[in-house]
């Protein structure tokens, strides 16, 4: 598992938890309509960061509530302040994987990185963050200390992904699975429902209500089918 103690002596401030880092100074993200914007972490985002040490987290969530961004910030903190972390994000498509890396890169200082590629960041302290699409064999040959599975309910070859990923964290590294819902005929749902053997998961569900009000929901419902709204935002 991981240690709370940062091990970067004489290298600027150290932060024992991602929330401590988040609260120490303004943090900025790129908003799709407002551009570069200061992040004001909401209660559900803070709850997720508070559970950063839990070995198994699974979250069903609405789209567009800043969930991938907050986990990318957690991944940055792990890479920066826990040297030697080998972090893997498996996303639905390659463009989603590149977006996760972009969110991480936004938090990096010029002195953090030794390598800076579209799908991989190499930190000077020995940490690495790699992101890739959900292919049949993701993560093979990559001994990950931390794994994030993004929009796993929609991942092609989900069973292959899970089989490939599981050994990479077999030594006890944490794994975080998060997705908007996609019915019950998928591996994400079966893990959520405790049907895959391992039931010791930190489970949370965050619908549109964590961010928007009923007026927003009514306006959105008028543009979508009932099933479509439920799948995207419930």
C-alpha atoms as a PDB file:
ATOM      1  CA  UNK A   1       0.000   0.000   0.000  1.00  0.00           C
ATOM      2  CA  UNK A   2       1.097   3.608   0.189  1.00  0.00           C
ATOM      3  CA  UNK A   3       2.614   5.815   2.819  1.00  0.00           C
ATOM      4  CA  UNK A   4       1.302   9.162   3.961  1.00  0.00           C
ATOM      5  CA  UNK A   5       4.810  10.580   4.272  1.00  0.00           C
ATOM      6  CA  UNK A   6       6.149  12.540   1.343  1.00  0.00           C
ATOM      7  CA  UNK A   7       9.783  11.676   0.626  1.00  0.00           C
ATOM      8  CA  UNK A   8      11.089  14.656  -1.254  1.00  0.00           C
ATOM      9  CA  UNK A   9      13.433  16.378   1.226  1.00  0.00           C
ATOM     10  CA  UNK A  10      14.646  19.855   0.353  1.00  0.00           C
ATOM     11  CA  UNK A  11      12.528  19.969  -2.781  1.00  0.00           C
ATOM     12  CA  UNK A  12       9.911  22.576  -1.988  1.00  0.00           C
ATOM     13  CA  UNK A  13       6.820  22.011   0.145  1.00  0.00           C
ATOM     14  CA  UNK A  14       5.604  18.497   0.790  1.00  0.00           C
ATOM     15  CA  UNK A  15       1.999  17.406   1.203  1.00  0.00           C
ATOM     16  CA  UNK A  16       0.880  14.294   3.059  1.00  0.00           C
ATOM     17  CA  UNK A  17      -2.455  13.892   1.266  1.00  0.00           C
ATOM     18  CA  UNK A  18      -3.970  15.051  -2.042  1.00  0.00           C
ATOM     19  CA  UNK A  19      -6.426  17.268  -0.152  1.00  0.00           C
ATOM     20  CA  UNK A  20      -3.583  18.941   1.706  1.00  0.00           C
ATOM     21  CA  UNK A  21      -1.958  19.681  -1.647  1.00  0.00           C
ATOM     22  CA  UNK A  22      -5.251  20.820  -3.180  1.00  0.00           C
ATOM     23  CA  UNK A  23      -5.956  23.266  -0.359  1.00  0.00           C
ATOM     24  CA  UNK A  24      -2.447  24.692  -0.133  1.00  0.00           C
ATOM     25  CA  UNK A  25      -2.758  26.971  -3.177  1.00  0.00           C
ATOM     26  CA  UNK A  26      -5.185  27.776  -6.003  1.00  0.00           C
ATOM     27  CA  UNK A  27      -5.413  24.923  -8.525  1.00  0.00           C
ATOM     28  CA  UNK A  28      -6.580  25.528 -12.068  1.00  0.00           C
ATOM     29  CA  UNK A  29      -8.285  23.365 -14.691  1.00  0.00           C
ATOM     30  CA  UNK A  30      -9.453  23.986 -18.241  1.00  0.00           C
ATOM     31  CA  UNK A  31     -13.225  24.334 -18.427  1.00  0.00           C
ATOM     32  CA  UNK A  32     -14.835  23.483 -21.816  1.00  0.00           C
ATOM     33  CA  UNK A  33     -16.600  26.878 -22.039  1.00  0.00           C
ATOM     34  CA  UNK A  34     -14.852  29.142 -19.510  1.00  0.00           C
ATOM     35  CA  UNK A  35     -11.280  28.237 -20.352  1.00  0.00           C
ATOM     36  CA  UNK A  36      -8.681  28.136 -17.580  1.00  0.00           C
ATOM     37  CA  UNK A  37     -10.627  28.263 -14.333  1.00  0.00           C
ATOM     38  CA  UNK A  38      -9.804  27.954 -10.666  1.00  0.00           C
ATOM     39  CA  UNK A  39     -11.017  24.656  -9.249  1.00  0.00           C
ATOM     40  CA  UNK A  40     -13.320  24.965  -6.266  1.00  0.00           C
ATOM     41  CA  UNK A  41     -13.516  21.354  -5.103  1.00  0.00           C
ATOM     42  CA  UNK A  42     -17.016  20.263  -4.167  1.00  0.00           C
ATOM     43  CA  UNK A  43     -17.948  17.946  -1.327  1.00  0.00           C
ATOM     44  CA  UNK A  44     -18.177  14.821  -3.506  1.00  0.00           C
ATOM     45  CA  UNK A  45     -14.770  15.513  -5.046  1.00  0.00           C
ATOM     46  CA  UNK A  46     -13.256  15.993  -1.614  1.00  0.00           C
ATOM     47  CA  UNK A  47     -14.885  12.769  -0.407  1.00  0.00           C
ATOM     48  CA  UNK A  48     -13.185  10.856  -3.210  1.00  0.00           C
ATOM     49  CA  UNK A  49      -9.789  12.384  -2.432  1.00  0.00           C
ATOM     50  CA  UNK A  50     -10.190  11.604   1.256  1.00  0.00           C
ATOM     51  CA  UNK A  51     -10.396   7.920   0.279  1.00  0.00           C
ATOM     52  CA  UNK A  52      -7.176   7.957  -1.746  1.00  0.00           C
ATOM     53  CA  UNK A  53      -5.618   5.182   0.364  1.00  0.00           C
ATOM     54  CA  UNK A  54      -8.492   2.722  -0.009  1.00  0.00           C
ATOM     55  CA  UNK A  55      -7.287  -0.254  -2.070  1.00  0.00           C
ATOM     56  CA  UNK A  56     -10.563  -0.687  -3.994  1.00  0.00           C
ATOM     57  CA  UNK A  57     -12.852   2.163  -5.033  1.00  0.00           C
ATOM     58  CA  UNK A  58     -15.780   1.969  -7.444  1.00  0.00           C
ATOM     59  CA  UNK A  59     -17.965   4.939  -8.355  1.00  0.00           C
ATOM     60  CA  UNK A  60     -21.024   5.261 -10.579  1.00  0.00           C
ATOM     61  CA  UNK A  61     -21.396   8.888 -11.525  1.00  0.00           C
ATOM     62  CA  UNK A  62     -23.066  11.420 -13.754  1.00  0.00           C
ATOM     63  CA  UNK A  63     -21.239  12.761 -16.739  1.00  0.00           C
ATOM     64  CA  UNK A  64     -19.757  16.267 -16.696  1.00  0.00           C
ATOM     65  CA  UNK A  65     -19.295  16.642 -12.952  1.00  0.00           C
ATOM     66  CA  UNK A  66     -15.502  16.993 -13.044  1.00  0.00           C
ATOM     67  CA  UNK A  67     -14.789  13.475 -11.857  1.00  0.00           C
ATOM     68  CA  UNK A  68     -11.994  12.552 -14.242  1.00  0.00           C
ATOM     69  CA  UNK A  69     -10.303  15.880 -13.528  1.00  0.00           C
ATOM     70  CA  UNK A  70     -10.243  15.368  -9.775  1.00  0.00           C
ATOM     71  CA  UNK A  71      -8.805  11.855 -10.130  1.00  0.00           C
ATOM     72  CA  UNK A  72      -6.178  13.153 -12.537  1.00  0.00           C
ATOM     73  CA  UNK A  73      -5.208  15.661  -9.848  1.00  0.00           C
ATOM     74  CA  UNK A  74      -4.977  12.812  -7.344  1.00  0.00           C
ATOM     75  CA  UNK A  75      -2.761  10.915  -9.800  1.00  0.00           C
ATOM     76  CA  UNK A  76      -0.520  13.972 -10.122  1.00  0.00           C
ATOM     77  CA  UNK A  77      -0.182  14.230  -6.347  1.00  0.00           C
ATOM     78  CA  UNK A  78       0.759  10.548  -6.083  1.00  0.00           C
ATOM     79  CA  UNK A  79       3.331  10.833  -8.859  1.00  0.00           C
ATOM     80  CA  UNK A  80       4.835  14.046  -7.508  1.00  0.00           C
ATOM     81  CA  UNK A  81       4.880  13.380  -3.774  1.00  0.00           C
ATOM     82  CA  UNK A  82       5.239   9.593  -3.617  1.00  0.00           C
ATOM     83  CA  UNK A  83       8.309   9.042  -5.811  1.00  0.00           C
ATOM     84  CA  UNK A  84       8.470   5.915  -7.899  1.00  0.00           C
ATOM     85  CA  UNK A  85       4.724   5.519  -8.421  1.00  0.00           C
ATOM     86  CA  UNK A  86       3.812   3.728 -11.640  1.00  0.00           C
ATOM     87  CA  UNK A  87       0.276   4.858 -12.447  1.00  0.00           C
ATOM     88  CA  UNK A  88      -1.903   3.480 -15.228  1.00  0.00           C
ATOM     89  CA  UNK A  89      -5.185   4.878 -16.542  1.00  0.00           C
ATOM     90  CA  UNK A  90      -7.229   2.755 -18.943  1.00  0.00           C
ATOM     91  CA  UNK A  91      -9.925   4.784 -20.686  1.00  0.00           C
ATOM     92  CA  UNK A  92     -12.720   3.974 -23.100  1.00  0.00           C
ATOM     93  CA  UNK A  93     -10.904   5.417 -26.128  1.00  0.00           C
ATOM     94  CA  UNK A  94      -7.475   6.831 -26.885  1.00  0.00           C
ATOM     95  CA  UNK A  95      -8.779  10.413 -26.896  1.00  0.00           C
ATOM     96  CA  UNK A  96     -10.123   9.872 -23.361  1.00  0.00           C
ATOM     97  CA  UNK A  97      -6.754   8.507 -22.298  1.00  0.00           C
ATOM     98  CA  UNK A  98      -5.023  11.567 -23.761  1.00  0.00           C
ATOM     99  CA  UNK A  99      -7.467  13.812 -21.904  1.00  0.00           C
ATOM    100  CA  UNK A 100      -6.552  12.208 -18.575  1.00  0.00           C
ATOM    101  CA  UNK A 101      -2.882  12.914 -19.282  1.00  0.00           C
ATOM    102  CA  UNK A 102      -3.743  16.482 -20.276  1.00  0.00           C
ATOM    103  CA  UNK A 103      -5.523  17.017 -16.955  1.00  0.00           C
ATOM    104  CA  UNK A 104      -2.421  15.759 -15.121  1.00  0.00           C
ATOM    105  CA  UNK A 105      -0.107  17.885 -17.235  1.00  0.00           C
ATOM    106  CA  UNK A 106      -2.046  21.022 -16.279  1.00  0.00           C
ATOM    107  CA  UNK A 107      -0.863  20.551 -12.680  1.00  0.00           C
ATOM    108  CA  UNK A 108       2.793  19.947 -13.516  1.00  0.00           C
ATOM    109  CA  UNK A 109       5.499  22.523 -13.003  1.00  0.00           C
ATOM    110  CA  UNK A 110       8.342  22.836 -15.525  1.00  0.00           C
ATOM    111  CA  UNK A 111      10.640  21.013 -13.094  1.00  0.00           C
ATOM    112  CA  UNK A 112       8.393  17.981 -12.576  1.00  0.00           C
ATOM    113  CA  UNK A 113       8.818  16.127 -15.837  1.00  0.00           C
ATOM    114  CA  UNK A 114      11.644  14.320 -17.544  1.00  0.00           C
ATOM    115  CA  UNK A 115       9.421  12.936 -20.317  1.00  0.00           C
ATOM    116  CA  UNK A 116       6.266  14.504 -21.668  1.00  0.00           C
ATOM    117  CA  UNK A 117       4.310  12.571 -24.294  1.00  0.00           C
ATOM    118  CA  UNK A 118       0.672  12.546 -25.331  1.00  0.00           C
ATOM    119  CA  UNK A 119      -0.095   9.355 -23.420  1.00  0.00           C
ATOM    120  CA  UNK A 120       2.729   9.172 -20.896  1.00  0.00           C
ATOM    121  CA  UNK A 121       4.436  11.451 -18.385  1.00  0.00           C
ATOM    122  CA  UNK A 122       7.779  10.592 -16.811  1.00  0.00           C
ATOM    123  CA  UNK A 123       8.606  12.409 -13.585  1.00  0.00           C
ATOM    124  CA  UNK A 124      12.152  13.238 -12.522  1.00  0.00           C
ATOM    125  CA  UNK A 125      11.587  11.475  -9.188  1.00  0.00           C
ATOM    126  CA  UNK A 126      11.038   8.124 -10.923  1.00  0.00           C
ATOM    127  CA  UNK A 127       7.239   8.195 -11.082  1.00  0.00           C
ATOM    128  CA  UNK A 128       5.366   7.633 -14.316  1.00  0.00           C
ATOM    129  CA  UNK A 129       1.783   8.093 -15.429  1.00  0.00           C
ATOM    130  CA  UNK A 130       0.649   6.167 -18.487  1.00  0.00           C
ATOM    131  CA  UNK A 131      -2.795   6.227 -20.124  1.00  0.00           C
ATOM    132  CA  UNK A 132      -4.135   3.995 -22.857  1.00  0.00           C
ATOM    133  CA  UNK A 133      -7.327   2.881 -24.519  1.00  0.00           C
ATOM    134  CA  UNK A 134      -9.240  -0.187 -23.367  1.00  0.00           C
ATOM    135  CA  UNK A 135      -7.754  -2.748 -25.739  1.00  0.00           C
ATOM    136  CA  UNK A 136      -7.736  -6.516 -25.241  1.00  0.00           C
ATOM    137  CA  UNK A 137      -4.449  -6.452 -23.322  1.00  0.00           C
ATOM    138  CA  UNK A 138      -3.934  -3.125 -21.540  1.00  0.00           C
ATOM    139  CA  UNK A 139      -1.286  -2.901 -18.879  1.00  0.00           C
ATOM    140  CA  UNK A 140       0.618  -6.034 -19.821  1.00  0.00           C
ATOM    141  CA  UNK A 141       4.290  -5.513 -19.140  1.00  0.00           C
ATOM    142  CA  UNK A 142       3.562  -2.444 -16.993  1.00  0.00           C
ATOM    143  CA  UNK A 143       3.892  -3.101 -13.261  1.00  0.00           C
ATOM    144  CA  UNK A 144       1.415  -0.512 -12.075  1.00  0.00           C
ATOM    145  CA  UNK A 145       1.311   0.651  -8.474  1.00  0.00           C
ATOM    146  CA  UNK A 146      -2.031   2.415  -9.077  1.00  0.00           C
ATOM    147  CA  UNK A 147      -4.754   1.802 -11.672  1.00  0.00           C
ATOM    148  CA  UNK A 148      -7.673   3.984 -12.799  1.00  0.00           C
ATOM    149  CA  UNK A 149     -10.376   2.512 -15.071  1.00  0.00           C
ATOM    150  CA  UNK A 150     -12.304   5.363 -16.702  1.00  0.00           C
ATOM    151  CA  UNK A 151     -15.880   4.842 -18.035  1.00  0.00           C
ATOM    152  CA  UNK A 152     -15.481   1.133 -17.453  1.00  0.00           C
ATOM    153  CA  UNK A 153     -19.146   0.339 -18.138  1.00  0.00           C
ATOM    154  CA  UNK A 154     -18.466   1.304 -21.770  1.00  0.00           C
ATOM    155  CA  UNK A 155     -15.041  -0.326 -22.120  1.00  0.00           C
ATOM    156  CA  UNK A 156     -14.729  -2.694 -25.064  1.00  0.00           C
ATOM    157  CA  UNK A 157     -13.353  -6.072 -24.018  1.00  0.00           C
ATOM    158  CA  UNK A 158     -14.006  -5.234 -20.361  1.00  0.00           C
ATOM    159  CA  UNK A 159     -13.391  -8.824 -19.238  1.00  0.00           C
ATOM    160  CA  UNK A 160     -10.036  -8.847 -21.046  1.00  0.00           C
ATOM    161  CA  UNK A 161      -9.157  -5.492 -19.528  1.00  0.00           C
ATOM    162  CA  UNK A 162      -9.969  -6.742 -16.035  1.00  0.00           C
ATOM    163  CA  UNK A 163      -8.010  -9.969 -16.529  1.00  0.00           C
ATOM    164  CA  UNK A 164      -5.031  -8.018 -17.823  1.00  0.00           C
ATOM    165  CA  UNK A 165      -5.133  -5.338 -15.132  1.00  0.00           C
ATOM    166  CA  UNK A 166      -5.677  -7.496 -12.050  1.00  0.00           C
ATOM    167  CA  UNK A 167      -2.114  -8.910 -11.903  1.00  0.00           C
ATOM    168  CA  UNK A 168      -0.620  -5.437 -12.190  1.00  0.00           C
ATOM    169  CA  UNK A 169      -2.040  -4.538  -8.773  1.00  0.00           C
ATOM    170  CA  UNK A 170      -1.785  -8.008  -7.249  1.00  0.00           C
ATOM    171  CA  UNK A 171       0.860  -6.771  -4.796  1.00  0.00           C
ATOM    172  CA  UNK A 172      -1.710  -4.554  -3.114  1.00  0.00           C
ATOM    173  CA  UNK A 173      -1.755  -1.398  -5.184  1.00  0.00           C
ATOM    174  CA  UNK A 174      -5.014   0.565  -5.269  1.00  0.00           C
ATOM    175  CA  UNK A 175      -7.473   0.376  -8.144  1.00  0.00           C
ATOM    176  CA  UNK A 176     -10.198   2.934  -8.847  1.00  0.00           C
ATOM    177  CA  UNK A 177     -13.076   2.157 -11.230  1.00  0.00           C
ATOM    178  CA  UNK A 178     -15.450   4.917 -12.247  1.00  0.00           C
ATOM    179  CA  UNK A 179     -18.120   5.207 -14.904  1.00  0.00           C
ATOM    180  CA  UNK A 180     -21.466   6.619 -15.835  1.00  0.00           C
ATOM    181  CA  UNK A 181     -24.111   3.858 -15.862  1.00  0.00           C
ATOM    182  CA  UNK A 182     -24.763   1.606 -18.835  1.00  0.00           C
ATOM    183  CA  UNK A 183     -27.390  -0.837 -17.693  1.00  0.00           C
ATOM    184  CA  UNK A 184     -26.649  -4.125 -15.974  1.00  0.00           C
ATOM    185  CA  UNK A 185     -25.215  -6.229 -18.790  1.00  0.00           C
ATOM    186  CA  UNK A 186     -21.598  -5.233 -18.227  1.00  0.00           C
ATOM    187  CA  UNK A 187     -18.693  -6.037 -15.922  1.00  0.00           C
ATOM    188  CA  UNK A 188     -18.775  -2.627 -14.252  1.00  0.00           C
ATOM    189  CA  UNK A 189     -22.263  -3.321 -12.927  1.00  0.00           C
ATOM    190  CA  UNK A 190     -21.349  -6.834 -11.768  1.00  0.00           C
ATOM    191  CA  UNK A 191     -18.355  -5.516  -9.807  1.00  0.00           C
ATOM    192  CA  UNK A 192     -20.538  -2.746  -8.356  1.00  0.00           C
ATOM    193  CA  UNK A 193     -23.163  -5.309  -7.320  1.00  0.00           C
ATOM    194  CA  UNK A 194     -20.578  -7.552  -5.625  1.00  0.00           C
ATOM    195  CA  UNK A 195     -20.973 -10.398  -8.101  1.00  0.00           C
ATOM    196  CA  UNK A 196     -17.286 -10.864  -8.881  1.00  0.00           C
ATOM    197  CA  UNK A 197     -16.064 -12.333  -5.612  1.00  0.00           C
ATOM    198  CA  UNK A 198     -14.294  -9.294  -4.130  1.00  0.00           C
ATOM    199  CA  UNK A 199     -16.876  -7.343  -2.122  1.00  0.00           C
ATOM    200  CA  UNK A 200     -14.548  -5.107  -0.110  1.00  0.00           C
ATOM    201  CA  UNK A 201     -15.048  -2.004  -2.253  1.00  0.00           C
ATOM    202  CA  UNK A 202     -15.447   1.643  -1.310  1.00  0.00           C
ATOM    203  CA  UNK A 203     -18.682   2.380  -3.215  1.00  0.00           C
ATOM    204  CA  UNK A 204     -20.178   5.764  -4.030  1.00  0.00           C
ATOM    205  CA  UNK A 205     -22.848   7.022  -6.415  1.00  0.00           C
ATOM    206  CA  UNK A 206     -22.955  10.664  -7.589  1.00  0.00           C
ATOM    207  CA  UNK A 207     -25.837  11.742  -9.818  1.00  0.00           C
ATOM    208  CA  UNK A 208     -26.420  15.116 -11.486  1.00  0.00           C
ATOM    209  CA  UNK A 209     -27.797  16.386  -8.164  1.00  0.00           C
ATOM    210  CA  UNK A 210     -24.310  16.920  -6.751  1.00  0.00           C
ATOM    211  CA  UNK A 211     -23.778  19.774  -9.212  1.00  0.00           C
ATOM    212  CA  UNK A 212     -27.040  20.984 -10.754  1.00  0.00           C
ATOM    213  CA  UNK A 213     -30.533  21.877  -9.621  1.00  0.00           C
ATOM    214  CA  UNK A 214     -33.939  20.626 -10.728  1.00  0.00           C
ATOM    215  CA  UNK A 215     -34.412  23.481 -13.213  1.00  0.00           C
ATOM    216  CA  UNK A 216     -31.259  22.374 -15.044  1.00  0.00           C
ATOM    217  CA  UNK A 217     -32.478  18.775 -15.049  1.00  0.00           C
ATOM    218  CA  UNK A 218     -35.895  19.680 -16.430  1.00  0.00           C
ATOM    219  CA  UNK A 219     -34.333  21.669 -19.266  1.00  0.00           C
ATOM    220  CA  UNK A 220     -31.950  18.806 -20.049  1.00  0.00           C
ATOM    221  CA  UNK A 221     -34.717  16.188 -19.960  1.00  0.00           C
ATOM    222  CA  UNK A 222     -36.605  18.057 -22.664  1.00  0.00           C
ATOM    223  CA  UNK A 223     -33.701  17.454 -25.054  1.00  0.00           C
ATOM    224  CA  UNK A 224     -33.255  13.723 -24.329  1.00  0.00           C
ATOM    225  CA  UNK A 225     -35.184  10.508 -23.918  1.00  0.00           C
ATOM    226  CA  UNK A 226     -35.875   9.326 -20.397  1.00  0.00           C
ATOM    227  CA  UNK A 227     -33.454   6.436 -20.822  1.00  0.00           C
ATOM    228  CA  UNK A 228     -30.797   8.698 -22.321  1.00  0.00           C
ATOM    229  CA  UNK A 229     -30.956  11.149 -19.433  1.00  0.00           C
ATOM    230  CA  UNK A 230     -30.768   8.326 -16.901  1.00  0.00           C
ATOM    231  CA  UNK A 231     -27.720   6.809 -18.577  1.00  0.00           C
ATOM    232  CA  UNK A 232     -25.857  10.099 -18.871  1.00  0.00           C
ATOM    233  CA  UNK A 233     -26.740  11.804 -15.581  1.00  0.00           C
ATOM    234  CA  UNK A 234     -28.435   9.484 -13.071  1.00  0.00           C
END
